[in-house]
Amino acid sequence: ENQRALVATINDDVPNYADSVKGRFAISRDNAKNTVYLEMNS
């Protein structure tokens, strides 16, 4: 019942986070694998 909302983006290896996940989530990229990860803690 909610709209889709941004969690984290990564642009040229610069991350950006929604306020609600700052300090808990981390986004990273592996260019060789064409894969992006989202590490979610707490």
PDB file of all heavy atoms in Angstrom:
ATOM      1  N   GLU A   1       0.808  -1.214   0.000  1.00  0.00           N
ATOM      2  CA  GLU A   1       0.000   0.000   0.000  1.00  0.00           C
ATOM      3  C   GLU A   1       0.845   1.270   0.000  1.00  0.00           C
ATOM      4  O   GLU A   1       0.322   2.357   0.236  1.00  0.00           O
ATOM      5  CB  GLU A   1      -0.977   0.011   1.186  1.00  0.00           C
ATOM      6  CG  GLU A   1      -1.931  -1.182   1.182  1.00  0.00           C
ATOM      7  CD  GLU A   1      -2.928  -1.142   2.320  1.00  0.00           C
ATOM      8  OE1 GLU A   1      -2.832  -0.236   3.155  1.00  0.00           O
ATOM      9  OE2 GLU A   1      -3.793  -2.034   2.365  1.00  0.00           O
ATOM     10  N   ASN A   2       2.145   1.142  -0.258  1.00  0.00           N
ATOM     11  CA  ASN A   2       3.008   2.315  -0.357  1.00  0.00           C
ATOM     12  C   ASN A   2       3.558   2.436  -1.771  1.00  0.00           C
ATOM     13  O   ASN A   2       3.576   1.465  -2.534  1.00  0.00           O
ATOM     14  CB  ASN A   2       4.176   2.211   0.635  1.00  0.00           C
ATOM     15  CG  ASN A   2       3.745   2.465   2.052  1.00  0.00           C
ATOM     16  OD1 ASN A   2       2.605   2.795   2.321  1.00  0.00           O
ATOM     17  ND2 ASN A   2       4.675   2.292   2.980  1.00  0.00           N
ATOM     18  N   GLN A   3       4.011   3.621  -2.099  1.00  0.00           N
ATOM     19  CA  GLN A   3       4.657   3.819  -3.384  1.00  0.00           C
ATOM     20  C   GLN A   3       6.090   3.302  -3.318  1.00  0.00           C
ATOM     21  O   GLN A   3       6.689   3.197  -2.244  1.00  0.00           O
ATOM     22  CB  GLN A   3       4.651   5.311  -3.751  1.00  0.00           C
ATOM     23  CG  GLN A   3       3.283   5.866  -4.079  1.00  0.00           C
ATOM     24  CD  GLN A   3       3.349   7.297  -4.569  1.00  0.00           C
ATOM     25  OE1 GLN A   3       4.265   8.039  -4.250  1.00  0.00           O
ATOM     26  NE2 GLN A   3       2.373   7.694  -5.364  1.00  0.00           N
ATOM     27  N   ARG A   4       6.628   2.994  -4.487  1.00  0.00           N
ATOM     28  CA  ARG A   4       8.027   2.583  -4.563  1.00  0.00           C
ATOM     29  C   ARG A   4       8.904   3.787  -4.206  1.00  0.00           C
ATOM     30  O   ARG A   4       8.685   4.891  -4.714  1.00  0.00           O
ATOM     31  CB  ARG A   4       8.353   2.075  -5.970  1.00  0.00           C
ATOM     32  CG  ARG A   4       9.623   1.270  -6.064  1.00  0.00           C
ATOM     33  CD  ARG A   4       9.717   0.566  -7.397  1.00  0.00           C
ATOM     34  NE  ARG A   4       8.664  -0.437  -7.569  1.00  0.00           N
ATOM     35  CZ  ARG A   4       8.624  -1.292  -8.584  1.00  0.00           C
ATOM     36  NH1 ARG A   4       9.581  -1.269  -9.518  1.00  0.00           N
ATOM     37  NH2 ARG A   4       7.644  -2.161  -8.678  1.00  0.00           N
ATOM     38  N   ALA A   5       9.879   3.552  -3.346  1.00  0.00           N
ATOM     39  CA  ALA A   5      10.688   4.652  -2.831  1.00  0.00           C
ATOM     40  C   ALA A   5      12.174   4.320  -2.944  1.00  0.00           C
ATOM     41  O   ALA A   5      12.579   3.159  -2.831  1.00  0.00           O
ATOM     42  CB  ALA A   5      10.331   4.925  -1.371  1.00  0.00           C
ATOM     43  N   LEU A   6      12.952   5.367  -3.120  1.00  0.00           N
ATOM     44  CA  LEU A   6      14.398   5.205  -3.228  1.00  0.00           C
ATOM     45  C   LEU A   6      14.989   4.746  -1.900  1.00  0.00           C
ATOM     46  O   LEU A   6      14.612   5.252  -0.838  1.00  0.00           O
ATOM     47  CB  LEU A   6      15.029   6.531  -3.648  1.00  0.00           C
ATOM     48  CG  LEU A   6      16.527   6.579  -3.868  1.00  0.00           C
ATOM     49  CD1 LEU A   6      16.854   7.576  -4.972  1.00  0.00           C
ATOM     50  CD2 LEU A   6      17.277   6.968  -2.599  1.00  0.00           C
ATOM     51  N   VAL A   7      15.916   3.794  -1.989  1.00  0.00           N
ATOM     52  CA  VAL A   7      16.666   3.354  -0.807  1.00  0.00           C
ATOM     53  C   VAL A   7      18.096   3.863  -0.899  1.00  0.00           C
ATOM     54  O   VAL A   7      18.603   4.502   0.017  1.00  0.00           O
ATOM     55  CB  VAL A   7      16.665   1.819  -0.696  1.00  0.00           C
ATOM     56  CG1 VAL A   7      17.529   1.371   0.475  1.00  0.00           C
ATOM     57  CG2 VAL A   7      15.249   1.289  -0.540  1.00  0.00           C
ATOM     58  N   ALA A   8      18.749   3.561  -2.022  1.00  0.00           N
ATOM     59  CA  ALA A   8      20.147   3.966  -2.196  1.00  0.00           C
ATOM     60  C   ALA A   8      20.478   3.979  -3.675  1.00  0.00           C
ATOM     61  O   ALA A   8      19.969   3.149  -4.427  1.00  0.00           O
ATOM     62  CB  ALA A   8      21.086   3.010  -1.466  1.00  0.00           C
ATOM     63  N   THR A   9      21.300   4.926  -4.064  1.00  0.00           N
ATOM     64  CA  THR A   9      21.801   4.970  -5.435  1.00  0.00           C
ATOM     65  C   THR A   9      23.316   5.063  -5.411  1.00  0.00           C
ATOM     66  O   THR A   9      23.916   5.434  -4.392  1.00  0.00           O
ATOM     67  CB  THR A   9      21.239   6.163  -6.218  1.00  0.00           C
ATOM     68  OG1 THR A   9      21.620   7.381  -5.554  1.00  0.00           O
ATOM     69  CG2 THR A   9      19.725   6.104  -6.328  1.00  0.00           C
ATOM     70  N   ILE A  10      23.916   4.705  -6.526  1.00  0.00           N
ATOM     71  CA  ILE A  10      25.361   4.818  -6.654  1.00  0.00           C
ATOM     72  C   ILE A  10      25.664   5.347  -8.054  1.00  0.00           C
ATOM     73  O   ILE A  10      25.227   4.771  -9.051  1.00  0.00           O
ATOM     74  CB  ILE A  10      26.053   3.471  -6.374  1.00  0.00           C
ATOM     75  CG1 ILE A  10      27.570   3.626  -6.407  1.00  0.00           C
ATOM     76  CG2 ILE A  10      25.559   2.371  -7.309  1.00  0.00           C
ATOM     77  CD1 ILE A  10      28.308   2.462  -5.758  1.00  0.00           C
ATOM     78  N   ASN A  11      26.405   6.442  -8.089  1.00  0.00           N
ATOM     79  CA  ASN A  11      26.729   7.114  -9.339  1.00  0.00           C
ATOM     80  C   ASN A  11      28.221   7.413  -9.336  1.00  0.00           C
ATOM     81  O   ASN A  11      28.694   8.165  -8.483  1.00  0.00           O
ATOM     82  CB  ASN A  11      25.908   8.399  -9.477  1.00  0.00           C
ATOM     83  CG  ASN A  11      26.154   9.087 -10.795  1.00  0.00           C
ATOM     84  OD1 ASN A  11      26.562   8.465 -11.770  1.00  0.00           O
ATOM     85  ND2 ASN A  11      25.919  10.385 -10.842  1.00  0.00           N
ATOM     86  N   ASP A  12      28.925   6.774 -10.270  1.00  0.00           N
ATOM     87  CA  ASP A  12      30.382   6.928 -10.305  1.00  0.00           C
ATOM     88  C   ASP A  12      30.988   6.613  -8.942  1.00  0.00           C
ATOM     89  O   ASP A  12      31.866   7.340  -8.459  1.00  0.00           O
ATOM     90  CB  ASP A  12      30.776   8.343 -10.749  1.00  0.00           C
ATOM     91  CG  ASP A  12      30.449   8.583 -12.210  1.00  0.00           C
ATOM     92  OD1 ASP A  12      30.399   7.593 -12.969  1.00  0.00           O
ATOM     93  OD2 ASP A  12      30.234   9.753 -12.576  1.00  0.00           O
ATOM     94  N   ASP A  13      30.454   5.576  -8.316  1.00  0.00           N
ATOM     95  CA  ASP A  13      30.931   5.101  -7.017  1.00  0.00           C
ATOM     96  C   ASP A  13      30.629   6.054  -5.879  1.00  0.00           C
ATOM     97  O   ASP A  13      31.145   5.886  -4.768  1.00  0.00           O
ATOM     98  CB  ASP A  13      32.429   4.792  -7.041  1.00  0.00           C
ATOM     99  CG  ASP A  13      32.754   3.620  -7.958  1.00  0.00           C
ATOM    100  OD1 ASP A  13      31.882   2.723  -8.089  1.00  0.00           O
ATOM    101  OD2 ASP A  13      33.845   3.606  -8.541  1.00  0.00           O
ATOM    102  N   VAL A  14      29.802   7.053  -6.105  1.00  0.00           N
ATOM    103  CA  VAL A  14      29.368   7.942  -5.042  1.00  0.00           C
ATOM    104  C   VAL A  14      27.977   7.492  -4.587  1.00  0.00           C
ATOM    105  O   VAL A  14      27.023   7.539  -5.371  1.00  0.00           O
ATOM    106  CB  VAL A  14      29.326   9.411  -5.508  1.00  0.00           C
ATOM    107  CG1 VAL A  14      28.804  10.304  -4.390  1.00  0.00           C
ATOM    108  CG2 VAL A  14      30.711   9.862  -5.950  1.00  0.00           C
ATOM    109  N   PRO A  15      27.857   7.064  -3.333  1.00  0.00           N
ATOM    110  CA  PRO A  15      26.561   6.584  -2.863  1.00  0.00           C
ATOM    111  C   PRO A  15      25.670   7.709  -2.364  1.00  0.00           C
ATOM    112  O   PRO A  15      26.153   8.768  -1.946  1.00  0.00           O
ATOM    113  CB  PRO A  15      26.934   5.656  -1.712  1.00  0.00           C
ATOM    114  CG  PRO A  15      28.191   6.260  -1.153  1.00  0.00           C
ATOM    115  CD  PRO A  15      28.912   6.867  -2.322  1.00  0.00           C
ATOM    116  N   ASN A  16      24.377   7.433  -2.404  1.00  0.00           N
ATOM    117  CA  ASN A  16      23.393   8.356  -1.857  1.00  0.00           C
ATOM    118  C   ASN A  16      22.323   7.506  -1.200  1.00  0.00           C
ATOM    119  O   ASN A  16      21.919   6.477  -1.746  1.00  0.00           O
ATOM    120  CB  ASN A  16      22.778   9.206  -2.968  1.00  0.00           C
ATOM    121  CG  ASN A  16      21.745  10.168  -2.437  1.00  0.00           C
ATOM    122  OD1 ASN A  16      22.018  10.976  -1.571  1.00  0.00           O
ATOM    123  ND2 ASN A  16      20.528  10.076  -2.958  1.00  0.00           N
ATOM    124  N   TYR A  17      21.862   7.908  -0.021  1.00  0.00           N
ATOM    125  CA  TYR A  17      20.944   7.084   0.758  1.00  0.00           C
ATOM    126  C   TYR A  17      19.716   7.867   1.187  1.00  0.00           C
ATOM    127  O   TYR A  17      19.789   9.072   1.458  1.00  0.00           O
ATOM    128  CB  TYR A  17      21.640   6.544   2.017  1.00  0.00           C
ATOM    129  CG  TYR A  17      22.836   5.696   1.734  1.00  0.00           C
ATOM    130  CD1 TYR A  17      24.119   6.221   1.804  1.00  0.00           C
ATOM    131  CD2 TYR A  17      22.698   4.345   1.380  1.00  0.00           C
ATOM    132  CE1 TYR A  17      25.230   5.450   1.532  1.00  0.00           C
ATOM    133  CE2 TYR A  17      23.810   3.562   1.108  1.00  0.00           C
ATOM    134  CZ  TYR A  17      25.071   4.124   1.176  1.00  0.00           C
ATOM    135  OH  TYR A  17      26.173   3.348   0.905  1.00  0.00           O
ATOM    136  N   ALA A  18      18.614   7.155   1.275  1.00  0.00           N
ATOM    137  CA  ALA A  18      17.448   7.729   1.934  1.00  0.00           C
ATOM    138  C   ALA A  18      17.780   7.951   3.405  1.00  0.00           C
ATOM    139  O   ALA A  18      18.540   7.177   4.000  1.00  0.00           O
ATOM    140  CB  ALA A  18      16.261   6.782   1.799  1.00  0.00           C
ATOM    141  N   ASP A  19      17.197   8.993   3.988  1.00  0.00           N
ATOM    142  CA  ASP A  19      17.488   9.303   5.384  1.00  0.00           C
ATOM    143  C   ASP A  19      17.176   8.124   6.302  1.00  0.00           C
ATOM    144  O   ASP A  19      17.872   7.906   7.299  1.00  0.00           O
ATOM    145  CB  ASP A  19      16.681  10.529   5.828  1.00  0.00           C
ATOM    146  CG  ASP A  19      17.209  11.814   5.216  1.00  0.00           C
ATOM    147  OD1 ASP A  19      18.361  11.823   4.727  1.00  0.00           O
ATOM    148  OD2 ASP A  19      16.466  12.816   5.227  1.00  0.00           O
ATOM    149  N   SER A  20      16.171   7.364   5.960  1.00  0.00           N
ATOM    150  CA  SER A  20      15.724   6.277   6.837  1.00  0.00           C
ATOM    151  C   SER A  20      16.716   5.123   6.921  1.00  0.00           C
ATOM    152  O   SER A  20      16.619   4.295   7.828  1.00  0.00           O
ATOM    153  CB  SER A  20      14.370   5.741   6.355  1.00  0.00           C
ATOM    154  OG  SER A  20      14.477   5.262   5.016  1.00  0.00           O
ATOM    155  N   VAL A  21      17.677   5.060   5.993  1.00  0.00           N
ATOM    156  CA  VAL A  21      18.621   3.938   6.002  1.00  0.00           C
ATOM    157  C   VAL A  21      20.066   4.394   6.199  1.00  0.00           C
ATOM    158  O   VAL A  21      20.965   3.550   6.281  1.00  0.00           O
ATOM    159  CB  VAL A  21      18.510   3.096   4.711  1.00  0.00           C
ATOM    160  CG1 VAL A  21      17.070   2.651   4.481  1.00  0.00           C
ATOM    161  CG2 VAL A  21      19.052   3.841   3.504  1.00  0.00           C
ATOM    162  N   LYS A  22      20.296   5.685   6.278  1.00  0.00           N
ATOM    163  CA  LYS A  22      21.657   6.188   6.456  1.00  0.00           C
ATOM    164  C   LYS A  22      22.287   5.608   7.719  1.00  0.00           C
ATOM    165  O   LYS A  22      21.652   5.562   8.767  1.00  0.00           O
ATOM    166  CB  LYS A  22      21.660   7.709   6.524  1.00  0.00           C
ATOM    167  CG  LYS A  22      21.545   8.396   5.179  1.00  0.00           C
ATOM    168  CD  LYS A  22      21.594   9.918   5.322  1.00  0.00           C
ATOM    169  CE  LYS A  22      21.444  10.595   3.973  1.00  0.00           C
ATOM    170  NZ  LYS A  22      21.383  12.064   4.094  1.00  0.00           N
ATOM    171  N   GLY A  23      23.532   5.178   7.575  1.00  0.00           N
ATOM    172  CA  GLY A  23      24.240   4.604   8.711  1.00  0.00           C
ATOM    173  C   GLY A  23      23.957   3.129   8.923  1.00  0.00           C
ATOM    174  O   GLY A  23      24.638   2.480   9.722  1.00  0.00           O
ATOM    175  N   ARG A  24      22.966   2.574   8.218  1.00  0.00           N
ATOM    176  CA  ARG A  24      22.625   1.149   8.382  1.00  0.00           C
ATOM    177  C   ARG A  24      22.845   0.360   7.092  1.00  0.00           C
ATOM    178  O   ARG A  24      23.183  -0.819   7.145  1.00  0.00           O
ATOM    179  CB  ARG A  24      21.165   1.005   8.811  1.00  0.00           C
ATOM    180  CG  ARG A  24      20.840   1.686  10.124  1.00  0.00           C
ATOM    181  CD  ARG A  24      19.424   1.323  10.590  1.00  0.00           C
ATOM    182  NE  ARG A  24      18.403   1.790   9.662  1.00  0.00           N
ATOM    183  CZ  ARG A  24      17.512   0.987   9.074  1.00  0.00           C
ATOM    184  NH1 ARG A  24      17.532  -0.313   9.305  1.00  0.00           N
ATOM    185  NH2 ARG A  24      16.596   1.491   8.254  1.00  0.00           N
ATOM    186  N   PHE A  25      22.614   0.990   5.969  1.00  0.00           N
ATOM    187  CA  PHE A  25      22.734   0.320   4.671  1.00  0.00           C
ATOM    188  C   PHE A  25      23.968   0.842   3.933  1.00  0.00           C
ATOM    189  O   PHE A  25      24.356   2.006   4.094  1.00  0.00           O
ATOM    190  CB  PHE A  25      21.502   0.579   3.807  1.00  0.00           C
ATOM    191  CG  PHE A  25      20.234  -0.076   4.260  1.00  0.00           C
ATOM    192  CD1 PHE A  25      20.115  -0.665   5.512  1.00  0.00           C
ATOM    193  CD2 PHE A  25      19.131  -0.117   3.424  1.00  0.00           C
ATOM    194  CE1 PHE A  25      18.935  -1.262   5.937  1.00  0.00           C
ATOM    195  CE2 PHE A  25      17.938  -0.717   3.818  1.00  0.00           C
ATOM    196  CZ  PHE A  25      17.844  -1.281   5.080  1.00  0.00           C
ATOM    197  N   ALA A  26      24.533  -0.006   3.087  1.00  0.00           N
ATOM    198  CA  ALA A  26      25.668   0.400   2.261  1.00  0.00           C
ATOM    199  C   ALA A  26      25.517  -0.207   0.874  1.00  0.00           C
ATOM    200  O   ALA A  26      25.301  -1.420   0.740  1.00  0.00           O
ATOM    201  CB  ALA A  26      26.981  -0.037   2.894  1.00  0.00           C
ATOM    202  N   ILE A  27      25.637   0.649  -0.138  1.00  0.00           N
ATOM    203  CA  ILE A  27      25.540   0.194  -1.520  1.00  0.00           C
ATOM    204  C   ILE A  27      26.939   0.144  -2.114  1.00  0.00           C
ATOM    205  O   ILE A  27      27.788   0.995  -1.822  1.00  0.00           O
ATOM    206  CB  ILE A  27      24.620   1.138  -2.346  1.00  0.00           C
ATOM    207  CG1 ILE A  27      24.352   0.565  -3.736  1.00  0.00           C
ATOM    208  CG2 ILE A  27      25.183   2.551  -2.417  1.00  0.00           C
ATOM    209  CD1 ILE A  27      23.269   1.330  -4.503  1.00  0.00           C
ATOM    210  N   SER A  28      27.189  -0.871  -2.926  1.00  0.00           N
ATOM    211  CA  SER A  28      28.498  -0.998  -3.552  1.00  0.00           C
ATOM    212  C   SER A  28      28.335  -1.637  -4.921  1.00  0.00           C
ATOM    213  O   SER A  28      27.286  -2.222  -5.231  1.00  0.00           O
ATOM    214  CB  SER A  28      29.446  -1.830  -2.683  1.00  0.00           C
ATOM    215  OG  SER A  28      28.932  -3.138  -2.479  1.00  0.00           O
ATOM    216  N   ARG A  29      29.362  -1.527  -5.716  1.00  0.00           N
ATOM    217  CA  ARG A  29      29.301  -2.010  -7.105  1.00  0.00           C
ATOM    218  C   ARG A  29      30.525  -2.857  -7.416  1.00  0.00           C
ATOM    219  O   ARG A  29      31.649  -2.533  -6.996  1.00  0.00           O
ATOM    220  CB  ARG A  29      29.248  -0.804  -8.055  1.00  0.00           C
ATOM    221  CG  ARG A  29      29.161  -1.162  -9.508  1.00  0.00           C
ATOM    222  CD  ARG A  29      29.478   0.067 -10.381  1.00  0.00           C
ATOM    223  NE  ARG A  29      28.603   1.200 -10.123  1.00  0.00           N
ATOM    224  CZ  ARG A  29      27.390   1.328 -10.606  1.00  0.00           C
ATOM    225  NH1 ARG A  29      26.896   0.388 -11.369  1.00  0.00           N
ATOM    226  NH2 ARG A  29      26.667   2.402 -10.339  1.00  0.00           N
ATOM    227  N   ASP A  30      30.318  -3.921  -8.163  1.00  0.00           N
ATOM    228  CA  ASP A  30      31.402  -4.715  -8.721  1.00  0.00           C
ATOM    229  C   ASP A  30      31.266  -4.641 -10.235  1.00  0.00           C
ATOM    230  O   ASP A  30      30.439  -5.348 -10.829  1.00  0.00           O
ATOM    231  CB  ASP A  30      31.321  -6.170  -8.237  1.00  0.00           C
ATOM    232  CG  ASP A  30      32.502  -7.011  -8.701  1.00  0.00           C
ATOM    233  OD1 ASP A  30      33.094  -6.699  -9.772  1.00  0.00           O
ATOM    234  OD2 ASP A  30      32.840  -7.987  -8.011  1.00  0.00           O
ATOM    235  N   ASN A  31      32.060  -3.774 -10.848  1.00  0.00           N
ATOM    236  CA  ASN A  31      31.909  -3.551 -12.289  1.00  0.00           C
ATOM    237  C   ASN A  31      32.250  -4.800 -13.096  1.00  0.00           C
ATOM    238  O   ASN A  31      31.635  -5.061 -14.134  1.00  0.00           O
ATOM    239  CB  ASN A  31      32.800  -2.384 -12.733  1.00  0.00           C
ATOM    240  CG  ASN A  31      32.278  -1.055 -12.237  1.00  0.00           C
ATOM    241  OD1 ASN A  31      31.068  -0.818 -12.202  1.00  0.00           O
ATOM    242  ND2 ASN A  31      33.180  -0.178 -11.837  1.00  0.00           N
ATOM    243  N   ALA A  32      33.211  -5.561 -12.628  1.00  0.00           N
ATOM    244  CA  ALA A  32      33.612  -6.763 -13.366  1.00  0.00           C
ATOM    245  C   ALA A  32      32.475  -7.773 -13.445  1.00  0.00           C
ATOM    246  O   ALA A  32      32.349  -8.504 -14.426  1.00  0.00           O
ATOM    247  CB  ALA A  32      34.834  -7.392 -12.706  1.00  0.00           C
ATOM    248  N   LYS A  33      31.640  -7.787 -12.427  1.00  0.00           N
ATOM    249  CA  LYS A  33      30.510  -8.724 -12.397  1.00  0.00           C
ATOM    250  C   LYS A  33      29.211  -8.068 -12.812  1.00  0.00           C
ATOM    251  O   LYS A  33      28.173  -8.736 -12.828  1.00  0.00           O
ATOM    252  CB  LYS A  33      30.361  -9.318 -10.994  1.00  0.00           C
ATOM    253  CG  LYS A  33      31.542 -10.165 -10.540  1.00  0.00           C
ATOM    254  CD  LYS A  33      31.299 -10.752  -9.161  1.00  0.00           C
ATOM    255  CE  LYS A  33      32.459 -11.621  -8.719  1.00  0.00           C
ATOM    256  NZ  LYS A  33      32.246 -12.202  -7.367  1.00  0.00           N
ATOM    257  N   ASN A  34      29.259  -6.775 -13.120  1.00  0.00           N
ATOM    258  CA  ASN A  34      28.034  -6.034 -13.465  1.00  0.00           C
ATOM    259  C   ASN A  34      26.967  -6.253 -12.395  1.00  0.00           C
ATOM    260  O   ASN A  34      25.792  -6.525 -12.693  1.00  0.00           O
ATOM    261  CB  ASN A  34      27.513  -6.473 -14.830  1.00  0.00           C
ATOM    262  CG  ASN A  34      27.063  -5.280 -15.668  1.00  0.00           C
ATOM    263  OD1 ASN A  34      26.923  -4.179 -15.161  1.00  0.00           O
ATOM    264  ND2 ASN A  34      26.830  -5.509 -16.942  1.00  0.00           N
ATOM    265  N   THR A  35      27.388  -6.096 -11.170  1.00  0.00           N
ATOM    266  CA  THR A  35      26.532  -6.388 -10.024  1.00  0.00           C
ATOM    267  C   THR A  35      26.608  -5.250  -9.017  1.00  0.00           C
ATOM    268  O   THR A  35      27.670  -4.658  -8.819  1.00  0.00           O
ATOM    269  CB  THR A  35      26.962  -7.706  -9.346  1.00  0.00           C
ATOM    270  OG1 THR A  35      26.841  -8.779 -10.296  1.00  0.00           O
ATOM    271  CG2 THR A  35      26.100  -8.024  -8.134  1.00  0.00           C
ATOM    272  N   VAL A  36      25.483  -4.944  -8.426  1.00  0.00           N
ATOM    273  CA  VAL A  36      25.415  -3.964  -7.346  1.00  0.00           C
ATOM    274  C   VAL A  36      24.863  -4.657  -6.113  1.00  0.00           C
ATOM    275  O   VAL A  36      23.937  -5.477  -6.218  1.00  0.00           O
ATOM    276  CB  VAL A  36      24.541  -2.762  -7.752  1.00  0.00           C
ATOM    277  CG1 VAL A  36      24.242  -1.874  -6.557  1.00  0.00           C
ATOM    278  CG2 VAL A  36      25.235  -1.938  -8.833  1.00  0.00           C
ATOM    279  N   TYR A  37      25.424  -4.325  -4.981  1.00  0.00           N
ATOM    280  CA  TYR A  37      25.038  -4.943  -3.709  1.00  0.00           C
ATOM    281  C   TYR A  37      24.405  -3.910  -2.783  1.00  0.00           C
ATOM    282  O   TYR A  37      24.689  -2.709  -2.882  1.00  0.00           O
ATOM    283  CB  TYR A  37      26.271  -5.539  -3.028  1.00  0.00           C
ATOM    284  CG  TYR A  37      27.017  -6.529  -3.878  1.00  0.00           C
ATOM    285  CD1 TYR A  37      28.133  -6.146  -4.614  1.00  0.00           C
ATOM    286  CD2 TYR A  37      26.604  -7.852  -3.954  1.00  0.00           C
ATOM    287  CE1 TYR A  37      28.815  -7.049  -5.398  1.00  0.00           C
ATOM    288  CE2 TYR A  37      27.290  -8.766  -4.742  1.00  0.00           C
ATOM    289  CZ  TYR A  37      28.391  -8.357  -5.468  1.00  0.00           C
ATOM    290  OH  TYR A  37      29.066  -9.254  -6.255  1.00  0.00           O
ATOM    291  N   LEU A  38      23.574  -4.402  -1.890  1.00  0.00           N
ATOM    292  CA  LEU A  38      23.036  -3.567  -0.822  1.00  0.00           C
ATOM    293  C   LEU A  38      23.215  -4.332   0.482  1.00  0.00           C
ATOM    294  O   LEU A  38      22.526  -5.331   0.723  1.00  0.00           O
ATOM    295  CB  LEU A  38      21.565  -3.233  -1.057  1.00  0.00           C
ATOM    296  CG  LEU A  38      20.952  -2.257  -0.057  1.00  0.00           C
ATOM    297  CD1 LEU A  38      21.579  -0.870  -0.218  1.00  0.00           C
ATOM    298  CD2 LEU A  38      19.438  -2.177  -0.211  1.00  0.00           C
ATOM    299  N   GLU A  39      24.139  -3.870   1.289  1.00  0.00           N
ATOM    300  CA  GLU A  39      24.377  -4.447   2.605  1.00  0.00           C
ATOM    301  C   GLU A  39      23.445  -3.756   3.578  1.00  0.00           C
ATOM    302  O   GLU A  39      23.480  -2.528   3.717  1.00  0.00           O
ATOM    303  CB  GLU A  39      25.834  -4.239   3.016  1.00  0.00           C
ATOM    304  CG  GLU A  39      26.233  -4.938   4.289  1.00  0.00           C
ATOM    305  CD  GLU A  39      26.441  -6.441   4.086  1.00  0.00           C
ATOM    306  OE1 GLU A  39      26.919  -6.825   3.011  1.00  0.00           O
ATOM    307  OE2 GLU A  39      26.108  -7.201   5.016  1.00  0.00           O
ATOM    308  N   MET A  40      22.608  -4.543   4.239  1.00  0.00           N
ATOM    309  CA  MET A  40      21.607  -3.978   5.146  1.00  0.00           C
ATOM    310  C   MET A  40      21.866  -4.499   6.554  1.00  0.00           C
ATOM    311  O   MET A  40      21.809  -5.709   6.783  1.00  0.00           O
ATOM    312  CB  MET A  40      20.197  -4.359   4.694  1.00  0.00           C
ATOM    313  CG  MET A  40      19.897  -4.000   3.241  1.00  0.00           C
ATOM    314  SD  MET A  40      18.192  -4.256   2.775  1.00  0.00           S
ATOM    315  CE  MET A  40      18.071  -6.025   2.931  1.00  0.00           C
ATOM    316  N   ASN A  41      22.138  -3.579   7.462  1.00  0.00           N
ATOM    317  CA  ASN A  41      22.420  -3.927   8.847  1.00  0.00           C
ATOM    318  C   ASN A  41      21.411  -3.259   9.780  1.00  0.00           C
ATOM    319  O   ASN A  41      20.713  -2.324   9.374  1.00  0.00           O
ATOM    320  CB  ASN A  41      23.837  -3.481   9.217  1.00  0.00           C
ATOM    321  CG  ASN A  41      24.903  -4.143   8.362  1.00  0.00           C
ATOM    322  OD1 ASN A  41      24.933  -5.362   8.236  1.00  0.00           O
ATOM    323  ND2 ASN A  41      25.769  -3.342   7.762  1.00  0.00           N
ATOM    324  N   SER A  42      21.364  -3.742  10.998  1.00  0.00           N
ATOM    325  CA  SER A  42      20.440  -3.190  11.996  1.00  0.00           C
ATOM    326  C   SER A  42      19.036  -3.058  11.427  1.00  0.00           C
ATOM    327  O   SER A  42      18.383  -2.020  11.557  1.00  0.00           O
ATOM    328  CB  SER A  42      20.948  -1.823  12.490  1.00  0.00           C
ATOM    329  OG  SER A  42      22.244  -1.929  13.025  1.00  0.00           O
TER     330      SER A  42
END
